[in-house]
Amino acid sequence: MLELYGLTNCDRCRAARKWLETNGLGVQFVDLRQNPPPARELTRWVEQLGWQVLLNRRSRTWRELPDEKRSAVSKPLATQLMRAHPTLIKRPVLVRNSQLHVGFTPEHYQEIFGVSG
């Protein structure tokens, strides 16, 4: 079973879910607001992907952070911020066979799953 982490009202997350379901791929959706990843899991994500990839600097939550936090962001601070504010995690996060993929485009998912367009 695939796991897709995101936000229920996120357009990209809805598009990813629809693409997976249309292509017959069962997916368990996890809303980051209601069920943020445990600290150990988030740390694994940061290690595998890098905090720069995982941190959503385009989010409203990011823009609302104090300037001193945004200008001093580092791996430990980014991890701490994503743990405290799960909406700072770039989405959707697809977990497939313990491999992680961030973001959604139909082309990327076609490549991941070997599905032709």
N, C-alpha and C. Protein backbone atom coordinates (compact mmCIF):
# COMPACT_ATOMS: atom_id res chain seq x y z
N MET A 1 0.85 -1.19 0.00
CA MET A 1 0.00 0.00 0.00
C MET A 1 0.88 1.24 0.00
N LEU A 2 0.51 2.18 -0.81
CA LEU A 2 1.20 3.46 -0.88
C LEU A 2 0.66 4.39 0.18
N GLU A 3 1.51 5.28 0.67
CA GLU A 3 1.07 6.31 1.60
C GLU A 3 1.32 7.66 0.94
N LEU A 4 0.35 8.52 1.04
CA LEU A 4 0.45 9.86 0.48
C LEU A 4 0.16 10.84 1.60
N TYR A 5 1.16 11.65 1.95
CA TYR A 5 1.01 12.65 3.00
C TYR A 5 0.76 14.01 2.35
N GLY A 6 -0.23 14.71 2.86
CA GLY A 6 -0.54 16.01 2.31
C GLY A 6 -1.63 16.68 3.11
N LEU A 7 -2.31 17.61 2.46
CA LEU A 7 -3.43 18.31 3.07
C LEU A 7 -4.68 18.04 2.25
N THR A 8 -5.77 17.82 2.93
CA THR A 8 -7.02 17.49 2.26
C THR A 8 -7.43 18.54 1.24
N ASN A 9 -7.21 19.81 1.56
CA ASN A 9 -7.66 20.88 0.67
C ASN A 9 -6.58 21.37 -0.30
N CYS A 10 -5.49 20.65 -0.43
CA CYS A 10 -4.38 21.02 -1.32
C CYS A 10 -4.67 20.49 -2.73
N ASP A 11 -4.64 21.37 -3.72
CA ASP A 11 -4.92 20.97 -5.10
C ASP A 11 -3.95 19.91 -5.61
N ARG A 12 -2.66 20.07 -5.33
CA ARG A 12 -1.66 19.09 -5.78
C ARG A 12 -1.90 17.72 -5.14
N CYS A 13 -2.25 17.74 -3.87
CA CYS A 13 -2.51 16.47 -3.17
C CYS A 13 -3.74 15.78 -3.75
N ARG A 14 -4.77 16.55 -4.03
CA ARG A 14 -5.98 15.97 -4.65
C ARG A 14 -5.65 15.41 -6.03
N ALA A 15 -4.85 16.12 -6.80
CA ALA A 15 -4.47 15.65 -8.14
C ALA A 15 -3.65 14.36 -8.05
N ALA A 16 -2.75 14.29 -7.08
CA ALA A 16 -1.94 13.09 -6.90
C ALA A 16 -2.82 11.90 -6.52
N ARG A 17 -3.74 12.12 -5.58
CA ARG A 17 -4.65 11.04 -5.17
C ARG A 17 -5.47 10.55 -6.35
N LYS A 18 -6.00 11.49 -7.12
CA LYS A 18 -6.82 11.13 -8.28
C LYS A 18 -5.99 10.35 -9.29
N TRP A 19 -4.76 10.78 -9.55
CA TRP A 19 -3.90 10.09 -10.51
C TRP A 19 -3.64 8.65 -10.04
N LEU A 20 -3.31 8.48 -8.77
CA LEU A 20 -3.04 7.15 -8.23
C LEU A 20 -4.27 6.26 -8.33
N GLU A 21 -5.42 6.78 -7.95
CA GLU A 21 -6.66 5.98 -8.00
C GLU A 21 -7.05 5.66 -9.44
N THR A 22 -6.91 6.62 -10.35
CA THR A 22 -7.23 6.40 -11.76
C THR A 22 -6.35 5.31 -12.37
N ASN A 23 -5.13 5.21 -11.88
CA ASN A 23 -4.20 4.21 -12.39
C ASN A 23 -4.22 2.92 -11.57
N GLY A 24 -5.27 2.75 -10.77
CA GLY A 24 -5.46 1.50 -10.04
C GLY A 24 -4.48 1.24 -8.93
N LEU A 25 -3.90 2.29 -8.38
CA LEU A 25 -2.93 2.16 -7.30
C LEU A 25 -3.57 2.56 -5.98
N GLY A 26 -3.73 1.59 -5.10
CA GLY A 26 -4.33 1.88 -3.80
C GLY A 26 -3.42 2.79 -3.00
N VAL A 27 -4.02 3.77 -2.36
CA VAL A 27 -3.24 4.73 -1.60
C VAL A 27 -3.93 5.04 -0.28
N GLN A 28 -3.13 5.13 0.76
CA GLN A 28 -3.64 5.57 2.06
C GLN A 28 -3.25 7.03 2.20
N PHE A 29 -4.24 7.92 2.30
CA PHE A 29 -3.97 9.34 2.42
C PHE A 29 -3.86 9.71 3.90
N VAL A 30 -2.83 10.48 4.23
CA VAL A 30 -2.61 10.93 5.61
C VAL A 30 -2.57 12.46 5.58
N ASP A 31 -3.52 13.08 6.28
CA ASP A 31 -3.55 14.53 6.36
C ASP A 31 -2.50 14.98 7.38
N LEU A 32 -1.57 15.82 6.91
CA LEU A 32 -0.46 16.26 7.77
C LEU A 32 -0.92 17.09 8.96
N ARG A 33 -2.03 17.80 8.80
CA ARG A 33 -2.53 18.61 9.93
C ARG A 33 -3.06 17.72 11.05
N GLN A 34 -3.78 16.67 10.66
CA GLN A 34 -4.39 15.79 11.66
C GLN A 34 -3.42 14.73 12.17
N ASN A 35 -2.54 14.26 11.31
CA ASN A 35 -1.61 13.18 11.67
C ASN A 35 -0.20 13.50 11.16
N PRO A 36 0.49 14.45 11.78
CA PRO A 36 1.84 14.75 11.32
C PRO A 36 2.75 13.53 11.52
N PRO A 37 3.77 13.41 10.69
CA PRO A 37 4.66 12.26 10.86
C PRO A 37 5.37 12.33 12.21
N PRO A 38 5.56 11.18 12.85
CA PRO A 38 6.30 11.17 14.12
C PRO A 38 7.71 11.71 13.91
N ALA A 39 8.32 12.18 14.98
CA ALA A 39 9.65 12.79 14.91
C ALA A 39 10.66 11.88 14.21
N ARG A 40 10.63 10.61 14.53
CA ARG A 40 11.58 9.66 13.92
C ARG A 40 11.37 9.57 12.41
N GLU A 41 10.10 9.56 11.98
CA GLU A 41 9.78 9.48 10.56
C GLU A 41 10.21 10.77 9.84
N LEU A 42 9.91 11.91 10.43
CA LEU A 42 10.30 13.18 9.84
C LEU A 42 11.82 13.27 9.71
N THR A 43 12.53 12.81 10.71
CA THR A 43 13.99 12.81 10.65
C THR A 43 14.47 11.93 9.50
N ARG A 44 13.84 10.79 9.29
CA ARG A 44 14.20 9.91 8.17
C ARG A 44 13.94 10.62 6.84
N TRP A 45 12.83 11.32 6.74
CA TRP A 45 12.52 12.07 5.52
C TRP A 45 13.59 13.12 5.24
N VAL A 46 13.97 13.85 6.29
CA VAL A 46 14.99 14.89 6.14
C VAL A 46 16.32 14.27 5.72
N GLU A 47 16.66 13.14 6.31
CA GLU A 47 17.92 12.46 5.96
C GLU A 47 17.89 11.98 4.51
N GLN A 48 16.77 11.42 4.08
CA GLN A 48 16.69 10.84 2.74
C GLN A 48 16.57 11.92 1.66
N LEU A 49 15.77 12.95 1.92
CA LEU A 49 15.50 13.95 0.89
C LEU A 49 16.34 15.21 1.01
N GLY A 50 16.73 15.53 2.24
CA GLY A 50 17.38 16.81 2.51
C GLY A 50 16.34 17.83 2.95
N TRP A 51 16.68 18.60 3.95
CA TRP A 51 15.71 19.56 4.49
C TRP A 51 15.35 20.64 3.47
N GLN A 52 16.28 20.97 2.57
CA GLN A 52 16.01 22.01 1.58
C GLN A 52 14.90 21.58 0.61
N VAL A 53 14.83 20.28 0.31
CA VAL A 53 13.79 19.76 -0.57
C VAL A 53 12.46 19.68 0.16
N LEU A 54 12.50 19.31 1.41
CA LEU A 54 11.29 19.04 2.17
C LEU A 54 10.61 20.30 2.72
N LEU A 55 11.38 21.34 2.96
CA LEU A 55 10.83 22.55 3.56
C LEU A 55 10.13 23.40 2.50
N ASN A 56 8.86 23.68 2.74
CA ASN A 56 8.04 24.45 1.81
C ASN A 56 8.17 25.94 2.11
N ARG A 57 9.07 26.59 1.37
CA ARG A 57 9.30 28.02 1.59
C ARG A 57 8.29 28.90 0.86
N ARG A 58 7.34 28.29 0.17
CA ARG A 58 6.30 29.06 -0.50
C ARG A 58 5.01 29.10 0.32
N SER A 59 4.98 28.40 1.42
CA SER A 59 3.74 28.31 2.20
C SER A 59 3.48 29.59 2.98
N ARG A 60 2.22 29.76 3.29
CA ARG A 60 1.81 30.89 4.13
C ARG A 60 2.45 30.78 5.51
N THR A 61 2.54 29.56 6.01
CA THR A 61 3.15 29.34 7.33
C THR A 61 4.58 29.86 7.33
N TRP A 62 5.33 29.59 6.27
CA TRP A 62 6.72 30.05 6.16
C TRP A 62 6.77 31.59 6.17
N ARG A 63 5.91 32.21 5.40
CA ARG A 63 5.90 33.68 5.31
C ARG A 63 5.53 34.32 6.64
N GLU A 64 4.78 33.60 7.46
CA GLU A 64 4.36 34.14 8.75
C GLU A 64 5.39 33.93 9.87
N LEU A 65 6.43 33.16 9.59
CA LEU A 65 7.48 32.96 10.60
C LEU A 65 8.28 34.25 10.78
N PRO A 66 8.83 34.45 11.97
CA PRO A 66 9.67 35.63 12.18
C PRO A 66 10.89 35.61 11.25
N ASP A 67 11.31 36.77 10.82
CA ASP A 67 12.46 36.89 9.92
C ASP A 67 13.70 36.20 10.46
N GLU A 68 13.91 36.30 11.78
CA GLU A 68 15.13 35.70 12.35
C GLU A 68 15.15 34.17 12.19
N LYS A 69 13.99 33.53 12.21
CA LYS A 69 13.94 32.08 11.99
C LYS A 69 14.15 31.75 10.52
N ARG A 70 13.53 32.52 9.65
CA ARG A 70 13.68 32.25 8.21
C ARG A 70 15.11 32.48 7.75
N SER A 71 15.76 33.50 8.27
CA SER A 71 17.13 33.80 7.82
C SER A 71 18.16 32.86 8.44
N ALA A 72 17.83 32.24 9.55
CA ALA A 72 18.78 31.36 10.24
C ALA A 72 18.47 29.88 10.02
N VAL A 73 17.63 29.56 9.05
CA VAL A 73 17.19 28.18 8.87
C VAL A 73 18.38 27.28 8.55
N SER A 74 18.37 26.13 9.19
CA SER A 74 19.41 25.11 9.03
C SER A 74 18.70 23.77 9.18
N LYS A 75 19.44 22.70 9.01
CA LYS A 75 18.83 21.37 9.12
C LYS A 75 18.12 21.16 10.46
N PRO A 76 18.78 21.41 11.60
CA PRO A 76 18.08 21.20 12.87
C PRO A 76 16.86 22.12 13.04
N LEU A 77 17.00 23.39 12.66
CA LEU A 77 15.88 24.32 12.81
C LEU A 77 14.75 23.96 11.85
N ALA A 78 15.09 23.62 10.62
CA ALA A 78 14.06 23.24 9.64
C ALA A 78 13.29 22.02 10.13
N THR A 79 13.99 21.04 10.66
CA THR A 79 13.33 19.84 11.19
C THR A 79 12.42 20.20 12.35
N GLN A 80 12.91 21.04 13.23
CA GLN A 80 12.11 21.49 14.38
C GLN A 80 10.87 22.25 13.90
N LEU A 81 11.04 23.12 12.92
CA LEU A 81 9.91 23.90 12.42
C LEU A 81 8.87 23.01 11.74
N MET A 82 9.33 22.04 10.95
CA MET A 82 8.39 21.13 10.28
C MET A 82 7.66 20.25 11.29
N ARG A 83 8.33 19.92 12.38
CA ARG A 83 7.67 19.14 13.42
C ARG A 83 6.60 19.99 14.11
N ALA A 84 6.91 21.26 14.36
CA ALA A 84 5.96 22.15 15.04
C ALA A 84 4.85 22.63 14.11
N HIS A 85 5.17 22.76 12.81
CA HIS A 85 4.22 23.27 11.82
C HIS A 85 4.23 22.34 10.60
N PRO A 86 3.48 21.25 10.64
CA PRO A 86 3.51 20.27 9.54
C PRO A 86 3.15 20.85 8.17
N THR A 87 2.48 22.01 8.14
CA THR A 87 2.17 22.61 6.85
C THR A 87 3.42 23.17 6.17
N LEU A 88 4.55 23.17 6.86
CA LEU A 88 5.82 23.56 6.25
C LEU A 88 6.45 22.44 5.43
N ILE A 89 5.86 21.25 5.50
CA ILE A 89 6.37 20.12 4.72
C ILE A 89 5.83 20.25 3.30
N LYS A 90 6.75 20.23 2.34
CA LYS A 90 6.34 20.31 0.94
C LYS A 90 5.51 19.07 0.63
N ARG A 91 4.51 19.23 -0.18
CA ARG A 91 3.58 18.14 -0.42
C ARG A 91 3.19 18.04 -1.88
N PRO A 92 2.61 16.89 -2.19
CA PRO A 92 2.47 15.70 -1.36
C PRO A 92 3.78 14.94 -1.22
N VAL A 93 3.85 14.15 -0.15
CA VAL A 93 4.97 13.24 0.06
C VAL A 93 4.42 11.83 -0.19
N LEU A 94 4.99 11.17 -1.17
CA LEU A 94 4.58 9.81 -1.52
C LEU A 94 5.60 8.84 -0.95
N VAL A 95 5.13 7.86 -0.18
CA VAL A 95 6.00 6.83 0.37
C VAL A 95 5.68 5.53 -0.37
N ARG A 96 6.68 5.02 -1.08
CA ARG A 96 6.52 3.79 -1.86
C ARG A 96 7.75 2.92 -1.62
N ASN A 97 7.53 1.75 -1.01
CA ASN A 97 8.64 0.84 -0.72
C ASN A 97 9.76 1.55 0.01
N SER A 98 9.42 2.34 1.00
CA SER A 98 10.33 3.16 1.81
C SER A 98 11.14 4.18 1.02
N GLN A 99 10.77 4.38 -0.24
CA GLN A 99 11.34 5.47 -1.03
C GLN A 99 10.39 6.65 -0.96
N LEU A 100 10.95 7.85 -0.93
CA LEU A 100 10.15 9.06 -0.80
C LEU A 100 10.20 9.88 -2.08
N HIS A 101 9.07 10.46 -2.41
CA HIS A 101 8.95 11.35 -3.56
C HIS A 101 8.14 12.55 -3.11
N VAL A 102 8.61 13.75 -3.46
CA VAL A 102 7.94 14.98 -3.04
C VAL A 102 7.41 15.72 -4.25
N GLY A 103 6.20 16.23 -4.12
CA GLY A 103 5.58 16.98 -5.20
C GLY A 103 4.80 16.05 -6.12
N PHE A 104 4.09 16.65 -7.04
CA PHE A 104 3.32 15.86 -7.99
C PHE A 104 3.29 16.52 -9.36
N THR A 105 3.62 15.73 -10.35
CA THR A 105 3.28 16.02 -11.74
C THR A 105 2.92 14.67 -12.34
N PRO A 106 2.01 14.63 -13.28
CA PRO A 106 1.66 13.35 -13.90
C PRO A 106 2.90 12.66 -14.50
N GLU A 107 3.79 13.45 -15.10
CA GLU A 107 4.98 12.89 -15.72
C GLU A 107 5.89 12.22 -14.69
N HIS A 108 6.05 12.85 -13.54
CA HIS A 108 6.88 12.27 -12.49
C HIS A 108 6.29 10.95 -12.00
N TYR A 109 4.99 10.93 -11.77
CA TYR A 109 4.35 9.70 -11.30
C TYR A 109 4.38 8.61 -12.38
N GLN A 110 4.26 8.99 -13.65
CA GLN A 110 4.36 8.01 -14.72
C GLN A 110 5.74 7.36 -14.70
N GLU A 111 6.76 8.17 -14.45
CA GLU A 111 8.12 7.64 -14.36
C GLU A 111 8.29 6.73 -13.15
N ILE A 112 7.79 7.14 -12.01
CA ILE A 112 7.90 6.35 -10.78
C ILE A 112 7.26 4.96 -10.96
N PHE A 113 6.06 4.94 -11.55
CA PHE A 113 5.29 3.71 -11.63
C PHE A 113 5.39 3.00 -12.98
N GLY A 114 6.15 3.55 -13.90
CA GLY A 114 6.31 2.91 -15.19
C GLY A 114 5.02 2.85 -15.99
N VAL A 115 4.22 3.89 -15.86
CA VAL A 115 2.93 3.96 -16.55
C VAL A 115 3.09 4.93 -17.72
N SER A 116 2.60 4.55 -18.89
CA SER A 116 2.68 5.47 -20.02
C SER A 116 1.51 6.43 -20.00
N GLY A 117 1.75 7.63 -20.50
CA GLY A 117 0.76 8.70 -20.46
C GLY A 117 -0.34 8.51 -21.40
